[in-house]
Amino acid sequence: MAEIKRKFGVENIQYICVGYETSPKTNNPHLHIQIILREKRSRQSGFLDQITNTHCNYQITENDRAWNEYIKKGGDFIEFNSFKSTTKWGTQYWPSQSSSSSPPVATSNNIPLQSTITTIDLPSPPPPPSITSIRTTTAAAVTTTTVRGRAEEQRKQKRAIARHAFNLAKTSIRDALQFMLENSDPLDFLKYATWYKNTFSVIYLLYNDTASPDTTVKEHTWPESFPDCTPTLRDVVNQWYTEEFVKTSRAKCLILIGGTGTGKTSFAKSLPGQCNYFQGRWRLDSWKNSARYLIFDDIPWDKFEQLGFPSKKSLLTQNGLTMATDKYRPSTRINIRQPAIVLLNDEDAGSLIAQPPLTVEEQQTFNYWQHRAIIYHMEPDEYFHKPDYYQADHINQ
């Protein structure tokens, strides 16, 4: 509260409310902040970033009463000055209460500020006021004098919910669906869940899948950007690129095993078209059916499934329509029709290069990948780009 006053100046602030709640479904803490300035102002960066060191979601609200009611609904909030709406309709009555502790807030980047701003903690986004909560609020909370006024109030709440869900869908379909699950009438969610998902998918596509395979800008281009690539490695890659990369079904995946700093990732990203790139663990929200090919970088061969990935036999062999899931996500059908590249360091190759296989099952798995993949174990002196240590050794000589 003190930092917000310092940022804007007490003389410029009409009202501040900071509310705290814990999600009943996820048990995650959320901090909500509403600021009403005396005059419209513009700020070109997330003004709470330096205070909280986390990522926040900012909203410029049309219905400041609805947000104020939502922030105060749990009774755990603190205020600066008394709330007075910037709009002309309706009257708000809330008792003055206080709270003590606050969890970390989230922040956001480069959001213009106007007269009313509400910030909401993520990744478990707290909702704007639900229609249900408005209906069950006591008479002291909101007064409406006519049936038409109540209907208009409900329409405004629906628009506020929809607008916030759309904003969430720009970065996460899952968060938008979770938000609607927590803030819709249960019967409405059962009826419209598929429609919600399709709508949020379109929004996510507009903001995250705008680059087509023909317009993707590449830092490197194979083979022109790799004049120093060692000959045998170049031949292996060219053979795979010519014979397998062009296939839309049953293409062999390319598995490159070699040291760090040899240019494996630069090569993989240099091929034409968009790629689905995964490093570390599976992220279903990062999957695009429209991608031209797949890259799996620094993922231990024997831990794919442990890290949430679909079966390697589905993921790396153009299996077509495949069911996939992710943490806190329902199963989703994805279309795996892209050729795949797997990049491994020596220590992560595991059973892929273990000799001899110890069991019958290991032998069968070994034989399977020998048939369905082009596996190339790079020698210590092979590379796409000359490693820094290799160049330094030659200079010292």
Foldseek 3Di string as FASTA:
>chain_A
DVVVCVVQPVVFWAKKKWAWDADPVPRHIKIKIKTFTPFWDWDFWWPCCVVQVAAKDKDDDPCVLQQVCVRCVVVEMAMDHDDDDPDDDWDFADDHGYHDDDDGAHIHTGDITTRMMMIMGDPQTDAGAAPVCVVPDDCNGIDDDDPVRVVVVSVSRVVRRVVVLLVVLLQDLLNSLSSCCVRPDVVVCVVCVVVSSVVSVVSNCVNPVPDWLVRDDAPAAPPVRQPPFDDVVNVLVVVLCVPAQPFQFQGFAEEEEEDPQQCPVSVVRNYGWAEQEDEDADDPSSDDLRTQAYEYEADQPVCHVVRQHPDCVCQAGQVAWDWGADVVGDTDTHGRRHHYYYYHYPVRPPLQPDPPDDDPVSNVVNVVNVVRHHYDYDDHCGGRHDGPVNVVVVVVD
